[in-house]
Each structure stands twice: as structure tokens, then as C-alpha cells.
Amino acid sequence: MSSLISSVRPAIRGAGFGLIVATALMLPPRAMVGAVVAQTLSDVSIADMAETLLPSVVNISISQEGDADAGDRPVPKVPEGQPFEEFFEDFFDGEDGLGNRPVSSLGSGFIIDPSGIIVTNNHVIENADTISVTLASGETLDATLLGIDDKTDLAVLKVEPETPLPAVKFGDSRNVRIGEWVVAIGNPFGLGGSVTLGIVSARGRELDGPYDNFIQTDAAINKGNSGGPLFNMDGAVIGINTAILSPSGGSIGIGFAVPSELAENIVDQIVEFGRTRRGWIGVRVLEVSDDLAASLGADDPSGVAVGSIIEGGPSDGGPLEEGDIILSFDGHEIDSPRDLPRFVAEGRIGEPADVEIVRDGERMTVQVTPQLLEDPELAASEPAMGDEALPDGGAADPPGLPVTLYGLTLGDLDDNGRALYQIDGDVEGVLITGVEPESAGADEGLEPGMVIVEVEQNAVSTPQEVRSRIVKLISEGRRSVSLMVAAPDGALSIVSLVLE
């Protein structure tokens, strides 16, 4: 995850206000708006719901014992003159002013089993020597770390209560609709038991992780809410609050939650095995452009194309072949190269899965059996992109995952891309594989087959490098970025991409 993604992580910056004005112009009369809202919430009392759910949400703190340089650790601060300033100074600095309480992180979590199993974010408990969980009753218990998954920023803890704890259940985030009401409960700025109400403002958001599929919400989420639950109106957990978009680190109404459809399976695996068990099918895939679809005999650019088969991988020897276009995996439609890794990783290891493909213009279904990816460090790219298997059991550097931003879809400049767009062998950088009409990239004349060589005079070699550099510039207040771009024949040009 990017360092700009807050704890939730310090904040990603950037937001506009044009949408507020545009939406306001479209609102129905005031009386009608009130009627719609009243009708939507008429069958549920937020107060009753909060009273039921609050006992299942916990506060989490960590400490790093025996640290001789405790004073060098970052200590939460409140700006001068703001509410709670004195409280925070007393709590974190102590009487000697040296920060003698070794608390270095405050976050949230929620109980999923009465025996004391708790879910939170990995970044909340990362590098902890001890972990403490404070229940809604005020009782504090020592927690044991059962396992983590840093690719999705999840962690599972275990406490030993004297009596069963109130637990909540995961809901099905696949049924969540944009505009649906949701409730977030957590520990913002150490103020435990805070409840906020909002709606699902978007789905399928991607930040930096290989399996990102975040739910976006405008329910207020701040630092300390990390790891807390996002509930639907049935009181089921449909997300784990993880990150915020903010120029200041405080809520501006854009928060992100790991969806339960992804989290529940990972949590179950951590509880059972102590780690995640992801599958892979050993193929590298490409986004399907109109030209590529036509060359492979497809009528439209749906799905992803198999660029290569990994030697020794699950698909070595069939049934997938180079040039196949994968339309769906185990019933899940594939819209982009990012979809396949997630669906394969969530699938059943060792069990055949139906894969719908187009081969030489003919639609057919084959069965592929995912195998366990033994090295968890390869989990960022193993299912779809596949890592080059080496004789010694290691792996080559994994290829970068495709990235979409400002209307541009970016991919690795590999042999397939060079051949498809006839790119000169001397050109190095990041391949543009798609450009949305009327986007910022299209406005600058960028086209598929062009290569981004530099971002603000810094050479780039992966899609993630391009995104991270642009996100950093946004965080610094930049509204445009200079790109050096190479045409397939190697001719260089400079364009200024407007960041709006």
C-alpha cells in the first residue's frame, strides 16, 4: 500500500467540489427529499442498531517494550488550540515529558467469535511487541496474533475472555449497492465507541494492493478507525475500514473498506492455517484492446488475453493456450487483468474451475485447477500474471500489475507488447495499453502503444511507479504532471497531464 494511504494511514490527498454543485442542481424538491430519506430509514433505528453492535467493537493498542529510543517513536499530536489538546499531551507525554507510555498505535477491531477471535488491520498491529484489546465494557485483555495478510492489510487476534464475548457476523458485500446506508463504528483519535452514518458512495476502488476491491463510503472515518467494521442496515459486517482520502488526515467523506467477500475467506484461512492460502494458475495476461481482440478472432475486447504460460505452472501443458481470451473464471466475469488474480486467489485450491474462453473466434469452456502458491511473497501477482518458476524453487522479479489512472491503462513493456505495437527495441518504460475517450490522457493525444519513459524527469519502468509518482505529486498540491512519452518508433515528446 502506498505510504500516502493513512492509518487509516496518513492520507491520500485530492478532491474536487464540482460534483456537489452538479448534484445539487438535480435534487428533487425539499419535501420530496425528506420523504425519500424518511422512507429509507423508517424500518431501522440507528440508535437501537448501535446499542446492539457497540459491544462487539473493540479498541486496540500496541506497545514496543524495551525500546531505548522510545522518545524517537512518532507520538499522536493534536494541533495547538484544538479540542483534546491537553488530554492528548497528558496521555502520551506523561509527567516526565518523555512519552513514558510506550503506546505507538491506536486502532479498532471487532469480535467475530464469542471465544475471543478479533479482526483488525495489519497496519494497526504491525511491529508490535504486545497487543492490548479494550472491550466496550472497559476491560482490557492481552491479545495473541493468530496471523496477518499484508496484501489485504488484515490481521486476526485472539483474546482469552472469562465469559463469551458478543460477536458479529460477516455479510455479503457482493449484494451492497451504491447509495445504500452503512454504519461505521470505531476508535477515532482514541475516542472509542464512536458511531457514524453514511452511504456506500462507490465500489471496486483500487489503491495500491494487488487484490484491492474497496468499498468507498462517506461515513466519517478518521485515524484510529482502522480495523473497525462497516455495517449494513442488517447489522452485518460488509467491510473493514482501512484507508481514507484526505488532505489533512481527517475525514472529508472518502473512506475505504476491505469488502467482506474478500476478508471473510482470508480470516477463515488465518484462523485455520495461521496464514492465507492462495492459488495460482500460472499464466500471464494482457488487457484486450480492439486490435488485439480482432487479431485473436474475438468480436469485442471483453476479458483478458493469455500472453504466456508459465513453465512448470498449473497451466503448463494445457488446457489454456497462449492467445486464449479468458471471459470468466468459476462463474466470475473478467473485465480487467486485475480481476483474474483476485478470483483465482479466492478460489478453491486443487478443485477444477470452469474457465470460459474464446479461442480462434470460438467460445468454449475448459477446466483449470488452481494450485497452492507456496511462497506467500509471490502473492501479489501469482494468480494471473504468474511468477517465473526457477529451477531452484525461487522466482524471478514479478511483472508489474496493470494500473488505470486518468483514463490511461498502463502495463509492463514486455515482448508481447513490443510485438503487438511494433515498438522499437531501444524504447524502455511503461506501456500505454488503453486510453479512455475524453479523458485527460486522450486530451493530450496519448494512444495505446505509446510508452511513458519519464514522469517529471524521473525514469519509470513499472505501472506502479507511474501511479506512485503521480499520487505523490497530487499530495504536494500539483495539478499537472509532465510526462516524456515515446511513440512506437522511438520518437520522444513531452505532454502535460492535467490532474483533475
Protein backbone atom coordinates (compact mmCIF):
# COMPACT_ATOMS: atom_id res chain seq x y z
CA MET A 1 0.00 0.00 0.00
CA SER A 2 1.14 3.50 -0.70
CA SER A 3 2.69 5.44 2.17
CA LEU A 4 0.10 8.12 1.45
CA ILE A 5 -2.71 5.78 2.46
CA SER A 6 -3.40 6.61 6.06
CA SER A 7 -3.62 4.59 9.22
CA VAL A 8 -6.50 4.89 8.22
CA ARG A 9 -2.96 5.60 7.24
CA PRO A 10 -1.60 9.23 6.63
CA ALA A 11 -3.86 10.46 3.93
CA ILE A 12 -4.04 10.38 0.16
CA ARG A 13 -4.88 13.87 -0.98
CA GLY A 14 -7.04 15.40 -3.64
CA ALA A 15 -10.74 16.09 -4.03
CA GLY A 16 -12.98 18.34 -6.05
CA PHE A 17 -16.23 20.09 -5.32
CA GLY A 18 -17.82 20.25 -8.77
CA LEU A 19 -19.82 17.10 -8.11
CA ILE A 20 -21.54 18.72 -5.14
CA VAL A 21 -22.82 21.57 -7.29
CA ALA A 22 -23.87 19.28 -10.12
CA THR A 23 -25.75 17.00 -7.76
CA ALA A 24 -27.48 19.90 -6.03
CA LEU A 25 -28.93 21.04 -9.33
CA MET A 26 -30.55 17.65 -9.78
CA LEU A 27 -32.16 17.28 -6.34
CA PRO A 28 -35.96 16.97 -6.08
CA PRO A 29 -37.97 19.49 -4.01
CA ARG A 30 -37.08 19.68 -0.31
CA ALA A 31 -40.24 17.96 0.84
CA MET A 32 -39.65 15.08 -1.55
CA VAL A 33 -36.07 14.64 -0.36
CA GLY A 34 -37.26 14.42 3.24
CA ALA A 35 -39.86 11.86 2.29
CA VAL A 36 -37.30 9.71 0.48
CA VAL A 37 -34.87 9.75 3.40
CA ALA A 38 -37.58 9.10 5.97
CA GLN A 39 -38.89 6.18 3.95
CA THR A 40 -35.42 4.70 3.50
CA LEU A 41 -34.67 4.70 7.23
CA SER A 42 -38.20 4.16 8.51
CA ASP A 43 -37.68 0.47 9.29
CA VAL A 44 -34.47 0.80 11.26
CA SER A 45 -33.39 2.78 14.31
CA ILE A 46 -29.72 3.70 14.19
CA ALA A 47 -29.74 4.14 17.97
CA ASP A 48 -31.09 0.62 18.53
CA MET A 49 -28.67 -0.77 15.98
CA ALA A 50 -25.68 1.00 17.56
CA GLU A 51 -26.67 -0.20 21.04
CA THR A 52 -26.68 -3.78 19.77
CA LEU A 53 -23.41 -3.58 17.82
CA LEU A 54 -21.19 -1.43 20.06
CA PRO A 55 -20.30 -4.26 22.49
CA SER A 56 -18.75 -6.21 19.59
CA VAL A 57 -16.36 -3.40 18.57
CA VAL A 58 -13.06 -3.10 20.44
CA ASN A 59 -10.19 -0.66 20.79
CA ILE A 60 -6.70 -1.93 20.02
CA SER A 61 -3.38 -0.54 21.22
CA ILE A 62 0.15 -1.84 20.82
CA SER A 63 3.43 -1.24 22.58
CA GLN A 64 7.07 -1.82 21.81
CA GLU A 65 8.71 -2.86 25.04
CA GLY A 66 12.37 -2.37 25.88
CA ASP A 67 12.87 0.34 23.25
CA ALA A 68 15.76 2.50 24.38
CA ASP A 69 14.80 5.18 21.87
CA ALA A 70 11.17 5.38 22.87
CA GLY A 71 11.28 9.14 22.51
CA ASP A 72 12.01 8.75 18.79
CA ARG A 73 8.75 6.96 18.09
CA PRO A 74 6.02 9.03 16.47
CA VAL A 75 3.51 10.17 19.08
CA PRO A 76 -0.03 11.24 18.12
CA LYS A 77 -0.45 15.00 18.41
CA VAL A 78 -3.40 17.38 18.21
CA PRO A 79 -2.80 20.79 16.58
CA GLU A 80 -2.33 23.66 19.01
CA GLY A 81 -5.58 25.17 20.21
CA GLN A 82 -7.72 22.26 19.10
CA PRO A 83 -10.10 20.23 21.33
CA PHE A 84 -8.49 17.46 23.41
CA GLU A 85 -5.01 19.00 23.03
CA GLU A 86 -4.34 18.92 26.79
CA PHE A 87 -5.79 15.42 27.11
CA PHE A 88 -3.55 14.04 24.37
CA GLU A 89 -0.41 15.73 25.74
CA ASP A 90 -1.01 14.32 29.21
CA PHE A 91 -1.82 10.86 27.91
CA PHE A 92 1.09 10.44 25.52
CA ASP A 93 3.84 12.56 27.11
CA GLY A 94 3.45 11.56 30.75
CA GLU A 95 4.74 13.52 33.71
CA ASP A 96 8.36 13.44 32.59
CA GLY A 97 7.54 14.68 29.10
CA LEU A 98 9.40 11.74 27.54
CA GLY A 99 6.47 9.72 26.36
CA ASN A 100 6.83 7.18 29.14
CA ARG A 101 3.76 5.29 27.99
CA PRO A 102 5.01 3.15 25.11
CA VAL A 103 1.74 3.18 23.15
CA SER A 104 2.62 3.60 19.48
CA SER A 105 -0.63 2.78 17.75
CA LEU A 106 -4.33 3.04 18.40
CA GLY A 107 -6.88 1.31 16.21
CA SER A 108 -10.11 -0.62 16.10
CA GLY A 109 -11.29 -4.18 15.69
CA PHE A 110 -14.38 -6.34 16.01
CA ILE A 111 -15.23 -9.68 17.56
CA ILE A 112 -16.30 -12.44 15.14
CA ASP A 113 -16.39 -15.35 17.59
CA PRO A 114 -17.53 -15.42 21.25
CA SER A 115 -14.34 -17.32 22.14
CA GLY A 116 -12.37 -14.12 21.51
CA ILE A 117 -11.36 -14.01 17.83
CA ILE A 118 -10.95 -10.42 16.64
CA VAL A 119 -10.37 -8.92 13.18
CA THR A 120 -8.39 -5.72 12.59
CA ASN A 121 -5.93 -4.19 10.10
CA ASN A 122 -2.36 -5.41 9.80
CA HIS A 123 -1.03 -1.85 9.92
CA VAL A 124 -2.69 -1.36 13.32
CA ILE A 125 -0.62 -4.10 14.99
CA GLU A 126 2.44 -4.13 12.75
CA ASN A 127 5.79 -4.42 14.62
CA ALA A 128 4.02 -4.78 17.98
CA ASP A 129 5.72 -6.43 20.94
CA THR A 130 2.46 -6.54 22.87
CA ILE A 131 -1.14 -6.06 21.77
CA SER A 132 -3.96 -4.99 24.09
CA VAL A 133 -7.66 -5.12 23.37
CA THR A 134 -10.09 -2.95 25.31
CA LEU A 135 -13.67 -4.17 25.29
CA ALA A 136 -16.72 -1.92 25.28
CA SER A 137 -17.12 -2.73 28.99
CA GLY A 138 -13.74 -1.13 29.67
CA GLU A 139 -11.97 -4.42 30.40
CA THR A 140 -8.53 -4.74 28.78
CA LEU A 141 -7.18 -8.11 27.64
CA ASP A 142 -3.84 -9.19 26.22
CA ALA A 143 -4.12 -10.42 22.65
CA THR A 144 -2.21 -13.04 20.66
CA LEU A 145 -1.62 -12.55 16.95
CA LEU A 146 -3.00 -15.52 15.01
CA GLY A 147 -1.78 -14.29 11.64
CA ILE A 148 -1.74 -11.50 9.07
CA ASP A 149 -2.23 -10.92 5.37
CA ASP A 150 -0.30 -7.84 4.34
CA LYS A 151 -1.62 -7.98 0.76
CA THR A 152 -5.11 -7.07 2.02
CA ASP A 153 -3.94 -5.39 5.27
CA LEU A 154 -5.83 -7.79 7.53
CA ALA A 155 -4.88 -9.34 10.87
CA VAL A 156 -6.61 -11.75 13.24
CA LEU A 157 -6.15 -11.66 17.03
CA LYS A 158 -7.18 -13.94 19.88
CA VAL A 159 -8.01 -12.95 23.46
CA GLU A 160 -8.95 -15.21 26.37
CA PRO A 161 -12.12 -13.85 27.98
CA GLU A 162 -13.61 -15.30 31.16
CA THR A 163 -17.07 -15.32 29.58
CA PRO A 164 -18.20 -15.48 25.93
CA LEU A 165 -18.00 -12.17 24.07
CA PRO A 166 -20.69 -10.59 21.90
CA ALA A 167 -19.80 -11.30 18.27
CA VAL A 168 -20.94 -10.02 14.88
CA LYS A 169 -21.20 -11.84 11.57
CA PHE A 170 -19.91 -11.10 8.10
CA GLY A 171 -22.48 -10.12 5.50
CA ASP A 172 -22.26 -10.47 1.72
CA SER A 173 -20.64 -7.36 0.28
CA ARG A 174 -21.40 -8.58 -3.24
CA ASN A 175 -25.00 -7.50 -2.66
CA VAL A 176 -24.08 -4.00 -1.48
CA ARG A 177 -25.46 -1.24 -3.69
CA ILE A 178 -24.15 2.27 -4.25
CA GLY A 179 -26.31 4.61 -2.17
CA GLU A 180 -27.04 2.00 0.50
CA TRP A 181 -26.86 3.20 4.12
CA VAL A 182 -23.95 1.95 6.22
CA VAL A 183 -22.70 2.48 9.77
CA ALA A 184 -19.05 2.68 10.86
CA ILE A 185 -18.04 2.06 14.48
CA GLY A 186 -14.53 2.51 15.81
CA ASN A 187 -11.93 4.30 17.87
CA PRO A 188 -11.12 7.60 16.08
CA PHE A 189 -8.28 9.51 17.76
CA GLY A 190 -8.59 7.17 20.73
CA LEU A 191 -12.22 8.13 21.32
CA GLY A 192 -13.67 4.62 21.49
CA GLY A 193 -17.24 3.66 20.73
CA SER A 194 -17.79 6.29 18.03
CA VAL A 195 -20.64 5.68 15.58
CA THR A 196 -21.01 7.37 12.18
CA LEU A 197 -23.63 7.00 9.46
CA GLY A 198 -23.22 7.34 5.71
CA ILE A 199 -23.78 5.64 2.40
CA VAL A 200 -21.80 3.46 0.04
CA SER A 201 -20.51 6.04 -2.42
CA ALA A 202 -18.64 3.69 -4.78
CA ARG A 203 -17.48 0.10 -5.18
CA GLY A 204 -14.47 -1.64 -6.66
CA ARG A 205 -11.98 1.09 -5.76
CA GLU A 206 -8.28 0.32 -6.32
CA LEU A 207 -5.42 1.92 -4.39
CA ASP A 208 -2.10 0.05 -4.40
CA GLY A 209 -2.77 -3.55 -3.43
CA PRO A 210 -2.92 -6.41 -5.94
CA TYR A 211 -6.32 -7.55 -4.65
CA ASP A 212 -7.85 -4.14 -3.98
CA ASN A 213 -11.62 -4.03 -4.39
CA PHE A 214 -12.52 -1.42 -1.77
CA ILE A 215 -15.96 -0.23 -0.78
CA GLN A 216 -15.97 3.57 -0.69
CA THR A 217 -18.13 5.30 1.93
CA ASP A 218 -18.85 8.80 3.17
CA ALA A 219 -19.46 7.58 6.72
CA ALA A 220 -16.91 9.58 8.73
CA ILE A 221 -13.70 7.56 9.20
CA ASN A 222 -10.62 9.03 10.88
CA LYS A 223 -7.27 7.90 12.25
CA GLY A 224 -7.99 5.20 14.78
CA ASN A 225 -10.95 3.80 12.83
CA SER A 226 -8.56 1.41 11.08
CA GLY A 227 -9.68 -2.17 11.53
CA GLY A 228 -13.18 -1.23 12.61
CA PRO A 229 -16.30 -2.66 10.99
CA LEU A 230 -18.56 -1.16 8.35
CA PHE A 231 -22.09 -2.47 8.91
CA ASN A 232 -25.09 -2.67 6.62
CA MET A 233 -28.54 -1.93 7.96
CA ASP A 234 -28.99 -5.59 8.92
CA GLY A 235 -26.09 -5.27 11.37
CA ALA A 236 -23.77 -7.49 9.30
CA VAL A 237 -20.14 -6.57 8.62
CA ILE A 238 -19.76 -5.81 4.92
CA GLY A 239 -16.33 -4.13 5.19
CA ILE A 240 -13.25 -3.45 7.33
CA ASN A 241 -12.37 0.27 7.44
CA THR A 242 -8.81 0.60 6.19
CA ALA A 243 -7.91 3.89 4.46
CA ILE A 244 -9.04 7.46 3.92
CA LEU A 245 -8.58 10.10 1.26
CA SER A 246 -7.78 13.41 2.94
CA PRO A 247 -5.54 16.48 2.66
CA SER A 248 -5.20 16.68 6.44
CA GLY A 249 -5.56 13.16 7.81
CA GLY A 250 -9.13 13.88 8.96
CA SER A 251 -12.31 12.72 7.31
CA ILE A 252 -13.53 14.55 4.22
CA GLY A 253 -16.09 11.88 3.46
CA ILE A 254 -13.99 9.49 1.38
CA GLY A 255 -13.10 6.30 3.21
CA PHE A 256 -12.27 2.80 2.01
CA ALA A 257 -13.19 -0.58 3.47
CA VAL A 258 -11.97 -4.08 2.55
CA PRO A 259 -15.14 -5.88 1.39
CA SER A 260 -16.34 -8.89 3.35
CA GLU A 261 -16.37 -11.04 0.21
CA LEU A 262 -12.57 -10.80 0.28
CA ALA A 263 -11.98 -10.53 4.03
CA GLU A 264 -14.10 -13.44 5.27
CA ASN A 265 -12.20 -16.08 3.30
CA ILE A 266 -8.84 -14.64 4.37
CA VAL A 267 -9.88 -14.50 8.04
CA ASP A 268 -11.10 -18.11 7.91
CA GLN A 269 -7.75 -19.22 6.44
CA ILE A 270 -5.74 -17.34 9.06
CA VAL A 271 -7.79 -18.89 11.86
CA GLU A 272 -7.36 -22.39 10.40
CA PHE A 273 -3.82 -22.27 8.98
CA GLY A 274 -2.17 -19.20 10.52
CA ARG A 275 -1.75 -17.64 7.07
CA THR A 276 -3.53 -17.22 3.78
CA ARG A 277 -3.52 -19.99 1.16
CA ARG A 278 -3.83 -18.54 -2.32
CA GLY A 279 -3.99 -20.39 -5.57
CA TRP A 280 -2.44 -19.62 -8.93
CA ILE A 281 -2.96 -20.89 -12.46
CA GLY A 282 0.40 -19.96 -13.96
CA VAL A 283 -0.45 -17.58 -16.80
CA ARG A 284 0.46 -14.04 -17.72
CA VAL A 285 -2.38 -11.99 -19.11
CA LEU A 286 -2.84 -8.84 -21.20
CA GLU A 287 -5.64 -6.34 -21.47
CA VAL A 288 -7.63 -6.93 -24.65
CA SER A 289 -7.64 -3.90 -26.94
CA ASP A 290 -9.84 -3.72 -30.06
CA ASP A 291 -6.83 -4.55 -32.22
CA LEU A 292 -5.76 -7.47 -30.07
CA ALA A 293 -9.32 -8.83 -29.95
CA ALA A 294 -9.56 -8.69 -33.73
CA SER A 295 -6.21 -10.40 -34.16
CA LEU A 296 -7.33 -13.23 -31.83
CA GLY A 297 -10.65 -13.72 -33.60
CA ALA A 298 -12.91 -12.11 -30.96
CA ASP A 299 -15.82 -9.82 -31.78
CA ASP A 300 -15.29 -7.46 -28.83
CA PRO A 301 -12.48 -6.63 -26.38
CA SER A 302 -14.01 -8.36 -23.35
CA GLY A 303 -11.94 -10.41 -20.91
CA VAL A 304 -8.16 -10.75 -20.76
CA ALA A 305 -5.77 -12.45 -23.16
CA VAL A 306 -3.29 -15.16 -22.15
CA GLY A 307 0.08 -13.67 -23.10
CA SER A 308 2.21 -16.59 -21.93
CA ILE A 309 2.07 -19.84 -19.98
CA ILE A 310 4.45 -20.18 -17.02
CA GLU A 311 6.73 -23.18 -17.41
CA GLY A 312 6.05 -25.72 -14.67
CA GLY A 313 2.88 -23.91 -13.56
CA PRO A 314 -0.65 -25.29 -13.24
CA SER A 315 -1.48 -24.44 -16.87
CA ASP A 316 1.74 -25.81 -18.37
CA GLY A 317 0.59 -28.44 -20.87
CA GLY A 318 -2.99 -27.18 -21.05
CA PRO A 319 -5.80 -26.60 -21.14
CA LEU A 320 -5.13 -22.87 -21.58
CA GLU A 321 -3.06 -21.73 -24.55
CA GLU A 322 -1.32 -18.50 -25.47
CA GLY A 323 -3.77 -16.26 -27.29
CA ASP A 324 -6.85 -17.54 -25.43
CA ILE A 325 -9.17 -14.79 -24.23
CA ILE A 326 -10.47 -15.54 -20.71
CA LEU A 327 -14.03 -14.27 -20.27
CA SER A 328 -14.85 -15.73 -16.86
CA PHE A 329 -13.33 -17.79 -14.07
CA ASP A 330 -15.50 -20.04 -11.90
CA GLY A 331 -18.59 -18.02 -12.81
CA HIS A 332 -16.98 -14.60 -12.24
CA GLU A 333 -16.80 -12.31 -15.28
CA ILE A 334 -13.31 -10.99 -16.02
CA ASP A 335 -13.29 -7.32 -17.02
CA SER A 336 -9.63 -6.43 -16.45
CA PRO A 337 -6.26 -8.10 -15.73
CA ARG A 338 -6.75 -7.21 -12.04
CA ASP A 339 -9.90 -9.33 -11.77
CA LEU A 340 -8.33 -12.70 -12.55
CA PRO A 341 -5.74 -12.66 -9.72
CA ARG A 342 -8.44 -11.88 -7.16
CA PHE A 343 -10.89 -14.54 -8.33
CA VAL A 344 -8.20 -17.21 -8.58
CA ALA A 345 -6.81 -16.29 -5.15
CA GLU A 346 -10.30 -16.58 -3.64
CA GLY A 347 -11.00 -19.86 -5.41
CA ARG A 348 -10.73 -23.45 -4.24
CA ILE A 349 -7.22 -24.88 -4.40
CA GLY A 350 -6.98 -28.30 -6.01
CA GLU A 351 -10.51 -28.25 -7.39
CA PRO A 352 -11.25 -27.77 -11.12
CA ALA A 353 -12.83 -24.44 -12.03
CA ASP A 354 -14.76 -23.68 -15.21
CA VAL A 355 -12.99 -21.09 -17.34
CA GLU A 356 -14.88 -19.60 -20.27
CA ILE A 357 -12.58 -18.63 -23.12
CA VAL A 358 -12.53 -17.55 -26.75
CA ARG A 359 -10.04 -19.46 -28.91
CA ASP A 360 -9.69 -18.71 -32.62
CA GLY A 361 -13.06 -16.97 -32.53
CA GLU A 362 -14.86 -19.90 -30.90
CA ARG A 363 -16.35 -19.64 -27.41
CA MET A 364 -15.74 -22.67 -25.19
CA THR A 365 -15.36 -23.74 -21.56
CA VAL A 366 -12.29 -25.52 -20.19
CA GLN A 367 -11.42 -26.60 -16.66
CA VAL A 368 -8.35 -25.30 -14.86
CA THR A 369 -7.21 -26.50 -11.42
CA PRO A 370 -5.54 -23.80 -9.27
CA GLN A 371 -2.54 -24.96 -7.26
CA LEU A 372 -1.32 -23.66 -3.93
CA LEU A 373 1.18 -20.86 -4.20
CA GLU A 374 3.77 -21.96 -1.66
CA ASP A 375 5.70 -18.68 -1.36
CA PRO A 376 3.47 -16.01 0.22
CA GLU A 377 5.83 -13.29 -1.00
CA LEU A 378 4.68 -14.00 -4.56
CA ALA A 379 1.03 -13.49 -3.71
CA ALA A 380 0.98 -10.02 -5.27
CA SER A 381 0.95 -11.38 -8.80
CA GLU A 382 0.85 -15.14 -8.87
CA PRO A 383 -2.69 -15.97 -9.96
CA ALA A 384 -2.99 -14.13 -13.23
CA MET A 385 0.34 -12.61 -14.04
CA GLY A 386 2.21 -15.65 -12.75
CA ASP A 387 5.79 -15.61 -11.50
CA GLU A 388 8.56 -17.18 -13.49
CA ALA A 389 9.30 -20.54 -11.87
CA LEU A 390 13.02 -21.17 -11.46
CA PRO A 391 14.84 -24.49 -11.07
CA ASP A 392 15.94 -23.62 -7.53
CA GLY A 393 12.36 -23.08 -6.44
CA GLY A 394 12.69 -19.30 -6.26
CA ALA A 395 11.05 -16.78 -8.55
CA ALA A 396 12.06 -14.06 -10.92
CA ASP A 397 11.01 -10.49 -10.23
CA PRO A 398 7.21 -10.44 -10.64
CA PRO A 399 5.88 -8.32 -13.50
CA GLY A 400 4.01 -5.16 -12.61
CA LEU A 401 0.24 -5.32 -12.43
CA PRO A 402 -1.80 -3.15 -14.81
CA VAL A 403 -2.76 0.28 -13.48
CA THR A 404 -5.57 2.59 -14.56
CA LEU A 405 -5.47 6.33 -13.88
CA TYR A 406 -6.66 9.49 -15.63
CA GLY A 407 -8.08 7.48 -18.49
CA LEU A 408 -4.84 5.60 -19.11
CA THR A 409 -4.40 1.86 -18.67
CA LEU A 410 -0.73 1.05 -18.11
CA GLY A 411 1.07 -2.27 -18.34
CA ASP A 412 4.57 -3.71 -18.47
CA LEU A 413 6.50 -3.21 -21.68
CA ASP A 414 7.14 -6.90 -22.34
CA ASP A 415 7.80 -8.92 -25.50
CA ASN A 416 4.08 -9.30 -26.17
CA GLY A 417 3.51 -5.56 -26.02
CA ARG A 418 6.51 -4.83 -28.23
CA ALA A 419 5.29 -7.30 -30.83
CA LEU A 420 1.67 -6.11 -30.72
CA TYR A 421 2.51 -2.42 -31.18
CA GLN A 422 5.82 -2.92 -33.09
CA ILE A 423 7.73 -0.88 -30.52
CA ASP A 424 11.38 -0.12 -31.22
CA GLY A 425 13.76 -2.28 -29.17
CA ASP A 426 15.56 0.77 -27.74
CA VAL A 427 12.40 2.15 -26.12
CA GLU A 428 12.12 1.48 -22.37
CA GLY A 429 9.39 2.50 -19.93
CA VAL A 430 5.72 1.74 -19.20
CA LEU A 431 3.34 0.73 -21.98
CA ILE A 432 0.03 2.53 -22.51
CA THR A 433 -2.42 -0.27 -23.35
CA GLY A 434 -5.65 1.74 -23.30
CA VAL A 435 -6.92 5.34 -23.40
CA GLU A 436 -10.48 6.28 -22.47
CA PRO A 437 -12.16 8.79 -24.83
CA GLU A 438 -12.47 12.35 -23.48
CA SER A 439 -10.06 11.54 -20.62
CA ALA A 440 -7.07 13.62 -19.53
CA GLY A 441 -4.80 11.23 -21.43
CA ALA A 442 -6.90 11.39 -24.58
CA ASP A 443 -6.90 15.20 -24.42
CA GLU A 444 -3.09 15.11 -24.67
CA GLY A 445 -3.15 12.85 -27.71
CA LEU A 446 -1.92 9.74 -25.89
CA GLU A 447 -2.70 6.44 -27.62
CA PRO A 448 -2.28 2.71 -26.97
CA GLY A 449 1.20 1.63 -27.98
CA MET A 450 2.90 4.76 -26.68
CA VAL A 451 5.39 4.34 -23.84
CA ILE A 452 5.79 6.57 -20.76
CA VAL A 453 9.54 6.99 -20.36
CA GLU A 454 9.70 9.58 -17.57
CA VAL A 455 7.41 11.22 -15.01
CA GLU A 456 8.69 14.67 -14.07
CA GLN A 457 12.15 13.76 -15.41
CA ASN A 458 12.30 10.55 -13.39
CA ALA A 459 12.60 7.32 -15.37
CA VAL A 460 9.84 4.76 -14.76
CA SER A 461 9.75 1.05 -15.50
CA THR A 462 6.52 -0.27 -13.94
CA PRO A 463 2.89 0.89 -13.87
CA GLN A 464 3.09 1.15 -10.08
CA GLU A 465 5.99 3.60 -10.35
CA VAL A 466 3.92 5.87 -12.59
CA ARG A 467 0.98 5.78 -10.20
CA SER A 468 3.04 6.32 -7.04
CA ARG A 469 4.86 9.31 -8.55
CA ILE A 470 1.61 10.91 -9.69
CA VAL A 471 -0.09 10.27 -6.32
CA LYS A 472 2.89 11.89 -4.57
CA LEU A 473 2.61 14.95 -6.82
CA ILE A 474 -1.11 15.20 -6.06
CA SER A 475 -0.32 15.07 -2.33
CA GLU A 476 2.06 18.00 -2.84
CA GLY A 477 -0.71 20.07 -4.41
CA ARG A 478 0.27 19.63 -8.06
CA ARG A 479 -2.48 19.95 -10.64
CA SER A 480 -0.50 18.77 -13.68
CA VAL A 481 2.41 16.44 -14.36
CA SER A 482 4.99 16.35 -17.14
CA LEU A 483 5.40 13.05 -18.99
CA MET A 484 8.05 12.09 -21.51
CA VAL A 485 6.37 9.76 -23.96
CA ALA A 486 7.85 7.64 -26.75
CA ALA A 487 5.96 6.68 -29.89
CA PRO A 488 6.41 3.07 -31.10
CA ASP A 489 9.15 4.24 -33.49
CA GLY A 490 11.05 5.83 -30.61
CA ALA A 491 10.17 9.48 -31.29
CA LEU A 492 10.00 11.37 -27.98
CA SER A 493 7.57 14.09 -26.92
CA ILE A 494 6.63 15.90 -23.70
CA VAL A 495 3.00 16.15 -22.60
CA SER A 496 1.45 17.84 -19.57
CA LEU A 497 -1.22 15.64 -17.98
CA VAL A 498 -3.83 17.71 -16.11
CA LEU A 499 -4.70 16.11 -12.73
CA GLU A 500 -8.36 16.91 -12.18
